[in-house]
């Protein structure tokens, strides 16, 4: 099936879907076995039972990334999928800690 038919001609996810980078982690919310979905959305929901990146969804289903973003945006807008919150910059390790780890690895 042509990508534009899967997305109904859309090239961008709905605004409710938020920003979906390739590394954004997505996961299904609740159980969706009873709700009818088209095959592509159902496959995405099946993959999203565990946290998975947008890029990995695209690769596993062999669907172009832009199409996956649109479909995920629809599922997010419906409340079927959510994104994992980004790690705040304040919670990232300091540069000196990362450098110490890198130095330790190099010594191995």
PDB file of N, CA and C in Angstrom:
ATOM      1  N   UNK A   1       0.839  -1.170   0.000  1.00  0.00           N
ATOM      2  CA  UNK A   1       0.000   0.000   0.000  1.00  0.00           C
ATOM      3  C   UNK A   1       0.892   1.243   0.000  1.00  0.00           C
ATOM      4  N   UNK A   2       0.492   2.259  -0.708  1.00  0.00           N
ATOM      5  CA  UNK A   2       1.252   3.505  -0.793  1.00  0.00           C
ATOM      6  C   UNK A   2       1.195   4.260   0.536  1.00  0.00           C
ATOM      7  N   UNK A   3       2.323   4.856   0.933  1.00  0.00           N
ATOM      8  CA  UNK A   3       2.357   5.568   2.220  1.00  0.00           C
ATOM      9  C   UNK A   3       1.288   6.649   2.358  1.00  0.00           C
ATOM     10  N   UNK A   4       1.006   7.396   1.283  1.00  0.00           N
ATOM     11  CA  UNK A   4       0.029   8.476   1.403  1.00  0.00           C
ATOM     12  C   UNK A   4      -1.381   7.952   1.639  1.00  0.00           C
ATOM     13  N   UNK A   5      -1.656   6.704   1.252  1.00  0.00           N
ATOM     14  CA  UNK A   5      -2.982   6.156   1.535  1.00  0.00           C
ATOM     15  C   UNK A   5      -3.098   5.745   3.000  1.00  0.00           C
ATOM     16  N   UNK A   6      -1.994   5.318   3.585  1.00  0.00           N
ATOM     17  CA  UNK A   6      -2.012   4.935   5.000  1.00  0.00           C
ATOM     18  C   UNK A   6      -2.275   6.155   5.876  1.00  0.00           C
ATOM     19  N   UNK A   7      -1.691   7.303   5.500  1.00  0.00           N
ATOM     20  CA  UNK A   7      -1.823   8.523   6.317  1.00  0.00           C
ATOM     21  C   UNK A   7      -2.942   9.430   5.827  1.00  0.00           C
ATOM     22  N   UNK A   8      -3.663   8.996   4.813  1.00  0.00           N
ATOM     23  CA  UNK A   8      -4.740   9.798   4.212  1.00  0.00           C
ATOM     24  C   UNK A   8      -4.204  11.120   3.679  1.00  0.00           C
ATOM     25  N   UNK A   9      -3.012  11.059   3.098  1.00  0.00           N
ATOM     26  CA  UNK A   9      -2.414  12.225   2.474  1.00  0.00           C
ATOM     27  C   UNK A   9      -1.658  13.153   3.405  1.00  0.00           C
ATOM     28  N   UNK A  10      -1.677  12.877   4.699  1.00  0.00           N
ATOM     29  CA  UNK A  10      -0.999  13.764   5.655  1.00  0.00           C
ATOM     30  C   UNK A  10       0.485  13.436   5.722  1.00  0.00           C
ATOM     31  N   UNK A  11       1.284  14.475   5.930  1.00  0.00           N
ATOM     32  CA  UNK A  11       2.730  14.282   6.045  1.00  0.00           C
ATOM     33  C   UNK A  11       3.255  14.660   7.414  1.00  0.00           C
ATOM     34  N   UNK A  12       2.382  15.187   8.263  1.00  0.00           N
ATOM     35  CA  UNK A  12       2.794  15.578   9.616  1.00  0.00           C
ATOM     36  C   UNK A  12       1.795  15.025  10.624  1.00  0.00           C
ATOM     37  N   UNK A  13       2.295  14.669  11.812  1.00  0.00           N
ATOM     38  CA  UNK A  13       1.373  14.179  12.844  1.00  0.00           C
ATOM     39  C   UNK A  13       0.500  15.312  13.352  1.00  0.00           C
ATOM     40  N   UNK A  14      -0.660  14.986  13.929  1.00  0.00           N
ATOM     41  CA  UNK A  14      -1.484  16.035  14.524  1.00  0.00           C
ATOM     42  C   UNK A  14      -0.710  16.733  15.636  1.00  0.00           C
ATOM     43  N   UNK A  15      -1.068  17.977  15.917  1.00  0.00           N
ATOM     44  CA  UNK A  15      -0.332  18.745  16.931  1.00  0.00           C
ATOM     45  C   UNK A  15      -0.417  18.101  18.303  1.00  0.00           C
ATOM     46  N   UNK A  16      -1.482  17.342  18.575  1.00  0.00           N
ATOM     47  CA  UNK A  16      -1.601  16.665  19.867  1.00  0.00           C
ATOM     48  C   UNK A  16      -0.521  15.608  20.031  1.00  0.00           C
ATOM     49  N   UNK A  17       0.019  15.124  18.913  1.00  0.00           N
ATOM     50  CA  UNK A  17       1.051  14.099  18.953  1.00  0.00           C
ATOM     51  C   UNK A  17       2.380  14.606  19.474  1.00  0.00           C
ATOM     52  N   UNK A  18       2.543  15.921  19.510  1.00  0.00           N
ATOM     53  CA  UNK A  18       3.799  16.480  19.987  1.00  0.00           C
ATOM     54  C   UNK A  18       4.921  16.229  19.004  1.00  0.00           C
ATOM     55  N   UNK A  19       6.120  16.471  19.455  1.00  0.00           N
ATOM     56  CA  UNK A  19       7.290  16.292  18.598  1.00  0.00           C
ATOM     57  C   UNK A  19       7.771  14.846  18.721  1.00  0.00           C
ATOM     58  N   UNK A  20       7.851  14.177  17.614  1.00  0.00           N
ATOM     59  CA  UNK A  20       8.284  12.781  17.608  1.00  0.00           C
ATOM     60  C   UNK A  20       9.607  12.664  16.868  1.00  0.00           C
ATOM     61  N   UNK A  21      10.704  12.691  17.613  1.00  0.00           N
ATOM     62  CA  UNK A  21      12.020  12.471  17.027  1.00  0.00           C
ATOM     63  C   UNK A  21      12.208  10.983  16.783  1.00  0.00           C
ATOM     64  N   UNK A  22      13.266  10.650  16.073  1.00  0.00           N
ATOM     65  CA  UNK A  22      13.571   9.242  15.829  1.00  0.00           C
ATOM     66  C   UNK A  22      13.830   8.490  17.127  1.00  0.00           C
ATOM     67  N   UNK A  23      14.378   9.178  18.129  1.00  0.00           N
ATOM     68  CA  UNK A  23      14.737   8.506  19.376  1.00  0.00           C
ATOM     69  C   UNK A  23      13.668   8.629  20.458  1.00  0.00           C
ATOM     70  N   UNK A  24      12.542   9.284  20.137  1.00  0.00           N
ATOM     71  CA  UNK A  24      11.457   9.385  21.111  1.00  0.00           C
ATOM     72  C   UNK A  24      10.964   7.984  21.454  1.00  0.00           C
ATOM     73  N   UNK A  25      10.815   7.720  22.738  1.00  0.00           N
ATOM     74  CA  UNK A  25      10.321   6.423  23.203  1.00  0.00           C
ATOM     75  C   UNK A  25       8.804   6.499  23.322  1.00  0.00           C
ATOM     76  N   UNK A  26       8.126   5.530  22.730  1.00  0.00           N
ATOM     77  CA  UNK A  26       6.665   5.474  22.772  1.00  0.00           C
ATOM     78  C   UNK A  26       6.231   4.147  23.377  1.00  0.00           C
ATOM     79  N   UNK A  27       5.051   4.158  24.008  1.00  0.00           N
ATOM     80  CA  UNK A  27       4.505   2.925  24.576  1.00  0.00           C
ATOM     81  C   UNK A  27       2.985   2.998  24.597  1.00  0.00           C
ATOM     82  N   UNK A  28       2.362   1.844  24.420  1.00  0.00           N
ATOM     83  CA  UNK A  28       0.906   1.762  24.425  1.00  0.00           C
ATOM     84  C   UNK A  28       0.384   1.978  25.837  1.00  0.00           C
ATOM     85  N   UNK A  29      -0.821   2.535  25.906  1.00  0.00           N
ATOM     86  CA  UNK A  29      -1.479   2.774  27.183  1.00  0.00           C
ATOM     87  C   UNK A  29      -2.694   1.857  27.250  1.00  0.00           C
ATOM     88  N   UNK A  30      -2.715   0.953  28.217  1.00  0.00           N
ATOM     89  CA  UNK A  30      -3.861   0.069  28.392  1.00  0.00           C
ATOM     90  C   UNK A  30      -3.917  -1.050  27.363  1.00  0.00           C
ATOM     91  N   UNK A  31      -5.089  -1.693  27.290  1.00  0.00           N
ATOM     92  CA  UNK A  31      -5.303  -2.833  26.404  1.00  0.00           C
ATOM     93  C   UNK A  31      -6.197  -2.396  25.249  1.00  0.00           C
ATOM     94  N   UNK A  32      -5.801  -2.687  24.020  1.00  0.00           N
ATOM     95  CA  UNK A  32      -6.533  -2.213  22.849  1.00  0.00           C
ATOM     96  C   UNK A  32      -7.032  -3.350  21.972  1.00  0.00           C
ATOM     97  N   UNK A  33      -7.153  -4.525  22.538  1.00  0.00           N
ATOM     98  CA  UNK A  33      -7.564  -5.675  21.733  1.00  0.00           C
ATOM     99  C   UNK A  33      -8.988  -5.541  21.203  1.00  0.00           C
ATOM    100  N   UNK A  34      -9.865  -4.870  21.933  1.00  0.00           N
ATOM    101  CA  UNK A  34     -11.258  -4.785  21.517  1.00  0.00           C
ATOM    102  C   UNK A  34     -11.556  -3.645  20.568  1.00  0.00           C
ATOM    103  N   UNK A  35     -10.698  -2.640  20.516  1.00  0.00           N
ATOM    104  CA  UNK A  35     -10.947  -1.466  19.682  1.00  0.00           C
ATOM    105  C   UNK A  35     -10.463  -1.723  18.255  1.00  0.00           C
ATOM    106  N   UNK A  36     -11.332  -1.518  17.268  1.00  0.00           N
ATOM    107  CA  UNK A  36     -10.897  -1.768  15.891  1.00  0.00           C
ATOM    108  C   UNK A  36      -9.878  -0.722  15.424  1.00  0.00           C
ATOM    109  N   UNK A  37      -8.833  -1.175  14.781  1.00  0.00           N
ATOM    110  CA  UNK A  37      -7.793  -0.312  14.223  1.00  0.00           C
ATOM    111  C   UNK A  37      -7.471  -0.827  12.833  1.00  0.00           C
ATOM    112  N   UNK A  38      -6.958   0.063  11.993  1.00  0.00           N
ATOM    113  CA  UNK A  38      -6.483  -0.445  10.707  1.00  0.00           C
ATOM    114  C   UNK A  38      -5.211  -1.252  10.963  1.00  0.00           C
ATOM    115  N   UNK A  39      -4.796  -2.087  10.024  1.00  0.00           N
ATOM    116  CA  UNK A  39      -3.679  -3.019  10.280  1.00  0.00           C
ATOM    117  C   UNK A  39      -2.385  -2.339  10.718  1.00  0.00           C
ATOM    118  N   UNK A  40      -2.039  -1.212  10.104  1.00  0.00           N
ATOM    119  CA  UNK A  40      -0.782  -0.543  10.453  1.00  0.00           C
ATOM    120  C   UNK A  40      -0.810  -0.012  11.879  1.00  0.00           C
ATOM    121  N   UNK A  41      -1.905   0.604  12.267  1.00  0.00           N
ATOM    122  CA  UNK A  41      -2.014   1.121  13.637  1.00  0.00           C
ATOM    123  C   UNK A  41      -2.004  -0.027  14.646  1.00  0.00           C
ATOM    124  N   UNK A  42      -2.658  -1.128  14.310  1.00  0.00           N
ATOM    125  CA  UNK A  42      -2.668  -2.277  15.215  1.00  0.00           C
ATOM    126  C   UNK A  42      -1.269  -2.854  15.378  1.00  0.00           C
ATOM    127  N   UNK A  43      -0.514  -2.917  14.288  1.00  0.00           N
ATOM    128  CA  UNK A  43       0.868  -3.411  14.380  1.00  0.00           C
ATOM    129  C   UNK A  43       1.713  -2.489  15.259  1.00  0.00           C
ATOM    130  N   UNK A  44       1.494  -1.181  15.128  1.00  0.00           N
ATOM    131  CA  UNK A  44       2.224  -0.227  15.969  1.00  0.00           C
ATOM    132  C   UNK A  44       1.850  -0.435  17.428  1.00  0.00           C
ATOM    133  N   UNK A  45       0.561  -0.583  17.715  1.00  0.00           N
ATOM    134  CA  UNK A  45       0.129  -0.816  19.097  1.00  0.00           C
ATOM    135  C   UNK A  45       0.739  -2.095  19.656  1.00  0.00           C
ATOM    136  N   UNK A  46       0.803  -3.128  18.836  1.00  0.00           N
ATOM    137  CA  UNK A  46       1.403  -4.388  19.288  1.00  0.00           C
ATOM    138  C   UNK A  46       2.873  -4.195  19.642  1.00  0.00           C
ATOM    139  N   UNK A  47       3.602  -3.455  18.809  1.00  0.00           N
ATOM    140  CA  UNK A  47       5.015  -3.196  19.099  1.00  0.00           C
ATOM    141  C   UNK A  47       5.188  -2.320  20.335  1.00  0.00           C
ATOM    142  N   UNK A  48       4.244  -1.423  20.557  1.00  0.00           N
ATOM    143  CA  UNK A  48       4.361  -0.459  21.656  1.00  0.00           C
ATOM    144  C   UNK A  48       3.913  -1.023  23.004  1.00  0.00           C
ATOM    145  N   UNK A  49       3.648  -2.305  23.076  1.00  0.00           N
ATOM    146  CA  UNK A  49       3.318  -2.893  24.384  1.00  0.00           C
ATOM    147  C   UNK A  49       4.496  -2.747  25.335  1.00  0.00           C
ATOM    148  N   UNK A  50       5.698  -2.670  24.773  1.00  0.00           N
ATOM    149  CA  UNK A  50       6.913  -2.371  25.534  1.00  0.00           C
ATOM    150  C   UNK A  50       7.479  -1.076  24.977  1.00  0.00           C
ATOM    151  N   UNK A  51       8.186  -0.307  25.786  1.00  0.00           N
ATOM    152  CA  UNK A  51       8.774   0.942  25.279  1.00  0.00           C
ATOM    153  C   UNK A  51       9.669   0.679  24.066  1.00  0.00           C
ATOM    154  N   UNK A  52       9.523   1.518  23.052  1.00  0.00           N
ATOM    155  CA  UNK A  52      10.263   1.351  21.802  1.00  0.00           C
ATOM    156  C   UNK A  52      10.447   2.724  21.165  1.00  0.00           C
ATOM    157  N   UNK A  53      11.532   2.907  20.445  1.00  0.00           N
ATOM    158  CA  UNK A  53      11.771   4.195  19.790  1.00  0.00           C
ATOM    159  C   UNK A  53      10.965   4.287  18.495  1.00  0.00           C
ATOM    160  N   UNK A  54      10.706   5.512  18.084  1.00  0.00           N
ATOM    161  CA  UNK A  54       9.985   5.753  16.836  1.00  0.00           C
ATOM    162  C   UNK A  54      10.745   5.127  15.663  1.00  0.00           C
ATOM    163  N   UNK A  55      12.060   5.277  15.650  1.00  0.00           N
ATOM    164  CA  UNK A  55      12.874   4.713  14.566  1.00  0.00           C
ATOM    165  C   UNK A  55      12.770   3.192  14.523  1.00  0.00           C
ATOM    166  N   UNK A  56      12.726   2.566  15.690  1.00  0.00           N
ATOM    167  CA  UNK A  56      12.638   1.103  15.722  1.00  0.00           C
ATOM    168  C   UNK A  56      11.280   0.621  15.224  1.00  0.00           C
ATOM    169  N   UNK A  57      10.215   1.353  15.546  1.00  0.00           N
ATOM    170  CA  UNK A  57       8.889   1.005  15.022  1.00  0.00           C
ATOM    171  C   UNK A  57       8.937   1.033  13.496  1.00  0.00           C
ATOM    172  N   UNK A  58       9.512   2.098  12.956  1.00  0.00           N
ATOM    173  CA  UNK A  58       9.625   2.240  11.506  1.00  0.00           C
ATOM    174  C   UNK A  58      10.417   1.085  10.898  1.00  0.00           C
ATOM    175  N   UNK A  59      11.539   0.747  11.503  1.00  0.00           N
ATOM    176  CA  UNK A  59      12.395  -0.318  10.972  1.00  0.00           C
ATOM    177  C   UNK A  59      11.725  -1.684  11.056  1.00  0.00           C
ATOM    178  N   UNK A  60      11.118  -1.978  12.176  1.00  0.00           N
ATOM    179  CA  UNK A  60      10.512  -3.309  12.352  1.00  0.00           C
ATOM    180  C   UNK A  60       9.320  -3.536  11.431  1.00  0.00           C
ATOM    181  N   UNK A  61       8.560  -2.469  11.174  1.00  0.00           N
ATOM    182  CA  UNK A  61       7.384  -2.611  10.320  1.00  0.00           C
ATOM    183  C   UNK A  61       7.691  -2.321   8.856  1.00  0.00           C
ATOM    184  N   UNK A  62       8.911  -1.862   8.583  1.00  0.00           N
ATOM    185  CA  UNK A  62       9.307  -1.499   7.222  1.00  0.00           C
ATOM    186  C   UNK A  62       8.337  -0.478   6.627  1.00  0.00           C
ATOM    187  N   UNK A  63       8.016   0.525   7.444  1.00  0.00           N
ATOM    188  CA  UNK A  63       7.159   1.639   7.038  1.00  0.00           C
ATOM    189  C   UNK A  63       8.009   2.900   7.149  1.00  0.00           C
ATOM    190  N   UNK A  64       7.934   3.809   6.172  1.00  0.00           N
ATOM    191  CA  UNK A  64       8.743   5.028   6.243  1.00  0.00           C
ATOM    192  C   UNK A  64       8.527   5.798   7.551  1.00  0.00           C
ATOM    193  N   UNK A  65       9.594   6.416   8.022  1.00  0.00           N
ATOM    194  CA  UNK A  65       9.567   7.139   9.291  1.00  0.00           C
ATOM    195  C   UNK A  65       8.486   8.212   9.319  1.00  0.00           C
ATOM    196  N   UNK A  66       8.315   8.943   8.227  1.00  0.00           N
ATOM    197  CA  UNK A  66       7.297  10.001   8.212  1.00  0.00           C
ATOM    198  C   UNK A  66       5.897   9.422   8.397  1.00  0.00           C
ATOM    199  N   UNK A  67       5.645   8.262   7.831  1.00  0.00           N
ATOM    200  CA  UNK A  67       4.339   7.611   7.979  1.00  0.00           C
ATOM    201  C   UNK A  67       4.144   7.162   9.421  1.00  0.00           C
ATOM    202  N   UNK A  68       5.172   6.572  10.014  1.00  0.00           N
ATOM    203  CA  UNK A  68       5.085   6.124  11.406  1.00  0.00           C
ATOM    204  C   UNK A  68       4.818   7.309  12.326  1.00  0.00           C
ATOM    205  N   UNK A  69       5.462   8.436  12.071  1.00  0.00           N
ATOM    206  CA  UNK A  69       5.225   9.633  12.898  1.00  0.00           C
ATOM    207  C   UNK A  69       3.768  10.076  12.830  1.00  0.00           C
ATOM    208  N   UNK A  70       3.187  10.067  11.634  1.00  0.00           N
ATOM    209  CA  UNK A  70       1.781  10.463  11.480  1.00  0.00           C
ATOM    210  C   UNK A  70       0.879   9.493  12.233  1.00  0.00           C
ATOM    211  N   UNK A  71       1.101   8.193  12.053  1.00  0.00           N
ATOM    212  CA  UNK A  71       0.256   7.191  12.712  1.00  0.00           C
ATOM    213  C   UNK A  71       0.414   7.236  14.227  1.00  0.00           C
ATOM    214  N   UNK A  72       1.646   7.394  14.705  1.00  0.00           N
ATOM    215  CA  UNK A  72       1.860   7.519  16.149  1.00  0.00           C
ATOM    216  C   UNK A  72       1.201   8.782  16.679  1.00  0.00           C
ATOM    217  N   UNK A  73       1.278   9.863  15.915  1.00  0.00           N
ATOM    218  CA  UNK A  73       0.605  11.097  16.327  1.00  0.00           C
ATOM    219  C   UNK A  73      -0.890  10.891  16.496  1.00  0.00           C
ATOM    220  N   UNK A  74      -1.500  10.140  15.571  1.00  0.00           N
ATOM    221  CA  UNK A  74      -2.926   9.813  15.687  1.00  0.00           C
ATOM    222  C   UNK A  74      -3.197   9.009  16.955  1.00  0.00           C
ATOM    223  N   UNK A  75      -2.366   8.000  17.203  1.00  0.00           N
ATOM    224  CA  UNK A  75      -2.558   7.139  18.377  1.00  0.00           C
ATOM    225  C   UNK A  75      -2.341   7.909  19.677  1.00  0.00           C
ATOM    226  N   UNK A  76      -1.414   8.848  19.672  1.00  0.00           N
ATOM    227  CA  UNK A  76      -1.198   9.690  20.855  1.00  0.00           C
ATOM    228  C   UNK A  76      -2.408  10.588  21.071  1.00  0.00           C
ATOM    229  N   UNK A  77      -2.917  11.192  19.998  1.00  0.00           N
ATOM    230  CA  UNK A  77      -4.090  12.066  20.100  1.00  0.00           C
ATOM    231  C   UNK A  77      -5.311  11.303  20.613  1.00  0.00           C
ATOM    232  N   UNK A  78      -5.417  10.014  20.273  1.00  0.00           N
ATOM    233  CA  UNK A  78      -6.531   9.179  20.739  1.00  0.00           C
ATOM    234  C   UNK A  78      -6.330   8.692  22.168  1.00  0.00           C
ATOM    235  N   UNK A  79      -5.129   8.877  22.696  1.00  0.00           N
ATOM    236  CA  UNK A  79      -4.840   8.404  24.048  1.00  0.00           C
ATOM    237  C   UNK A  79      -4.417   6.946  24.113  1.00  0.00           C
ATOM    238  N   UNK A  80      -4.118   6.349  22.957  1.00  0.00           N
ATOM    239  CA  UNK A  80      -3.724   4.940  22.919  1.00  0.00           C
ATOM    240  C   UNK A  80      -2.229   4.726  23.138  1.00  0.00           C
ATOM    241  N   UNK A  81      -1.439   5.749  22.871  1.00  0.00           N
ATOM    242  CA  UNK A  81       0.018   5.682  23.001  1.00  0.00           C
ATOM    243  C   UNK A  81       0.476   6.943  23.709  1.00  0.00           C
ATOM    244  N   UNK A  82       1.536   6.806  24.495  1.00  0.00           N
ATOM    245  CA  UNK A  82       2.131   7.993  25.121  1.00  0.00           C
ATOM    246  C   UNK A  82       3.631   7.963  24.895  1.00  0.00           C
ATOM    247  N   UNK A  83       4.233   9.118  25.069  1.00  0.00           N
ATOM    248  CA  UNK A  83       5.683   9.209  24.932  1.00  0.00           C
ATOM    249  C   UNK A  83       6.293   9.266  26.313  1.00  0.00           C
ATOM    250  N   UNK A  84       7.493   8.752  26.406  1.00  0.00           N
ATOM    251  CA  UNK A  84       8.214   8.830  27.675  1.00  0.00           C
ATOM    252  C   UNK A  84       8.792  10.231  27.782  1.00  0.00           C
ATOM    253  N   UNK A  85       8.657  10.807  28.950  1.00  0.00           N
ATOM    254  CA  UNK A  85       9.168  12.158  29.163  1.00  0.00           C
ATOM    255  C   UNK A  85      10.677  12.181  28.983  1.00  0.00           C
ATOM    256  N   UNK A  86      11.162  13.248  28.367  1.00  0.00           N
ATOM    257  CA  UNK A  86      12.602  13.413  28.207  1.00  0.00           C
ATOM    258  C   UNK A  86      13.249  13.599  29.570  1.00  0.00           C
ATOM    259  N   UNK A  87      14.506  13.201  29.667  1.00  0.00           N
ATOM    260  CA  UNK A  87      15.258  13.396  30.899  1.00  0.00           C
ATOM    261  C   UNK A  87      15.648  14.863  30.999  1.00  0.00           C
ATOM    262  N   UNK A  88      15.293  15.527  32.105  1.00  0.00           N
ATOM    263  CA  UNK A  88      15.683  16.934  32.249  1.00  0.00           C
ATOM    264  C   UNK A  88      17.201  17.064  32.271  1.00  0.00           C
ATOM    265  N   UNK A  89      17.691  18.157  31.739  1.00  0.00           N
ATOM    266  CA  UNK A  89      19.133  18.390  31.690  1.00  0.00           C
ATOM    267  C   UNK A  89      19.751  18.361  33.082  1.00  0.00           C
ATOM    268  N   UNK A  90      18.991  18.725  34.110  1.00  0.00           N
ATOM    269  CA  UNK A  90      19.538  18.741  35.467  1.00  0.00           C
ATOM    270  C   UNK A  90      19.811  17.335  35.986  1.00  0.00           C
ATOM    271  N   UNK A  91      19.201  16.319  35.390  1.00  0.00           N
ATOM    272  CA  UNK A  91      19.391  14.947  35.860  1.00  0.00           C
ATOM    273  C   UNK A  91      20.461  14.192  35.073  1.00  0.00           C
ATOM    274  N   UNK A  92      21.023  14.827  34.072  1.00  0.00           N
ATOM    275  CA  UNK A  92      22.079  14.178  33.302  1.00  0.00           C
ATOM    276  C   UNK A  92      23.380  14.224  34.089  1.00  0.00           C
ATOM    277  N   UNK A  93      24.243  13.231  33.918  1.00  0.00           N
ATOM    278  CA  UNK A  93      25.515  13.238  34.647  1.00  0.00           C
ATOM    279  C   UNK A  93      26.387  14.411  34.198  1.00  0.00           C
ATOM    280  N   UNK A  94      27.217  14.868  35.125  1.00  0.00           N
ATOM    281  CA  UNK A  94      28.112  15.974  34.807  1.00  0.00           C
ATOM    282  C   UNK A  94      29.182  15.509  33.825  1.00  0.00           C
ATOM    283  N   UNK A  95      29.741  16.465  33.115  1.00  0.00           N
ATOM    284  CA  UNK A  95      30.752  16.154  32.107  1.00  0.00           C
ATOM    285  C   UNK A  95      31.958  15.451  32.725  1.00  0.00           C
ATOM    286  N   UNK A  96      32.357  15.874  33.932  1.00  0.00           N
ATOM    287  CA  UNK A  96      33.545  15.262  34.549  1.00  0.00           C
ATOM    288  C   UNK A  96      33.298  13.791  34.893  1.00  0.00           C
ATOM    289  N   UNK A  97      32.073  13.434  35.248  1.00  0.00           N
ATOM    290  CA  UNK A  97      31.744  12.035  35.531  1.00  0.00           C
ATOM    291  C   UNK A  97      31.832  11.215  34.240  1.00  0.00           C
ATOM    292  N   UNK A  98      31.263  11.747  33.172  1.00  0.00           N
ATOM    293  CA  UNK A  98      31.325  11.049  31.887  1.00  0.00           C
ATOM    294  C   UNK A  98      32.766  10.901  31.409  1.00  0.00           C
ATOM    295  N   UNK A  99      33.572  11.931  31.621  1.00  0.00           N
ATOM    296  CA  UNK A  99      34.976  11.864  31.219  1.00  0.00           C
ATOM    297  C   UNK A  99      35.718  10.802  32.024  1.00  0.00           C
ATOM    298  N   UNK A 100      35.416  10.705  33.330  1.00  0.00           N
ATOM    299  CA  UNK A 100      36.060   9.694  34.171  1.00  0.00           C
ATOM    300  C   UNK A 100      35.694   8.286  33.702  1.00  0.00           C
ATOM    301  N   UNK A 101      34.446   8.080  33.319  1.00  0.00           N
ATOM    302  CA  UNK A 101      34.013   6.778  32.809  1.00  0.00           C
ATOM    303  C   UNK A 101      34.742   6.462  31.501  1.00  0.00           C
ATOM    304  N   UNK A 102      34.801   7.438  30.613  1.00  0.00           N
ATOM    305  CA  UNK A 102      35.492   7.242  29.340  1.00  0.00           C
ATOM    306  C   UNK A 102      36.972   6.925  29.550  1.00  0.00           C
ATOM    307  N   UNK A 103      37.600   7.639  30.464  1.00  0.00           N
ATOM    308  CA  UNK A 103      39.014   7.375  30.765  1.00  0.00           C
ATOM    309  C   UNK A 103      39.199   5.957  31.307  1.00  0.00           C
ATOM    310  N   UNK A 104      38.288   5.521  32.170  1.00  0.00           N
ATOM    311  CA  UNK A 104      38.352   4.171  32.720  1.00  0.00           C
ATOM    312  C   UNK A 104      38.207   3.111  31.647  1.00  0.00           C
ATOM    313  N   UNK A 105      37.314   3.345  30.714  1.00  0.00           N
ATOM    314  CA  UNK A 105      37.122   2.391  29.614  1.00  0.00           C
ATOM    315  C   UNK A 105      38.370   2.323  28.746  1.00  0.00           C
ATOM    316  N   UNK A 106      38.965   3.451  28.487  1.00  0.00           N
ATOM    317  CA  UNK A 106      40.178   3.478  27.655  1.00  0.00           C
ATOM    318  C   UNK A 106      41.330   2.734  28.317  1.00  0.00           C
ATOM    319  N   UNK A 107      41.374   2.728  29.650  1.00  0.00           N
ATOM    320  CA  UNK A 107      42.448   2.035  30.367  1.00  0.00           C
ATOM    321  C   UNK A 107      42.287   0.521  30.313  1.00  0.00           C
ATOM    322  N   UNK A 108      41.108   0.049  29.987  1.00  0.00           N
ATOM    323  CA  UNK A 108      40.877  -1.406  29.941  1.00  0.00           C
ATOM    324  C   UNK A 108      41.626  -2.032  28.862  1.00  0.00           C
TER     325      UNK A 108
END
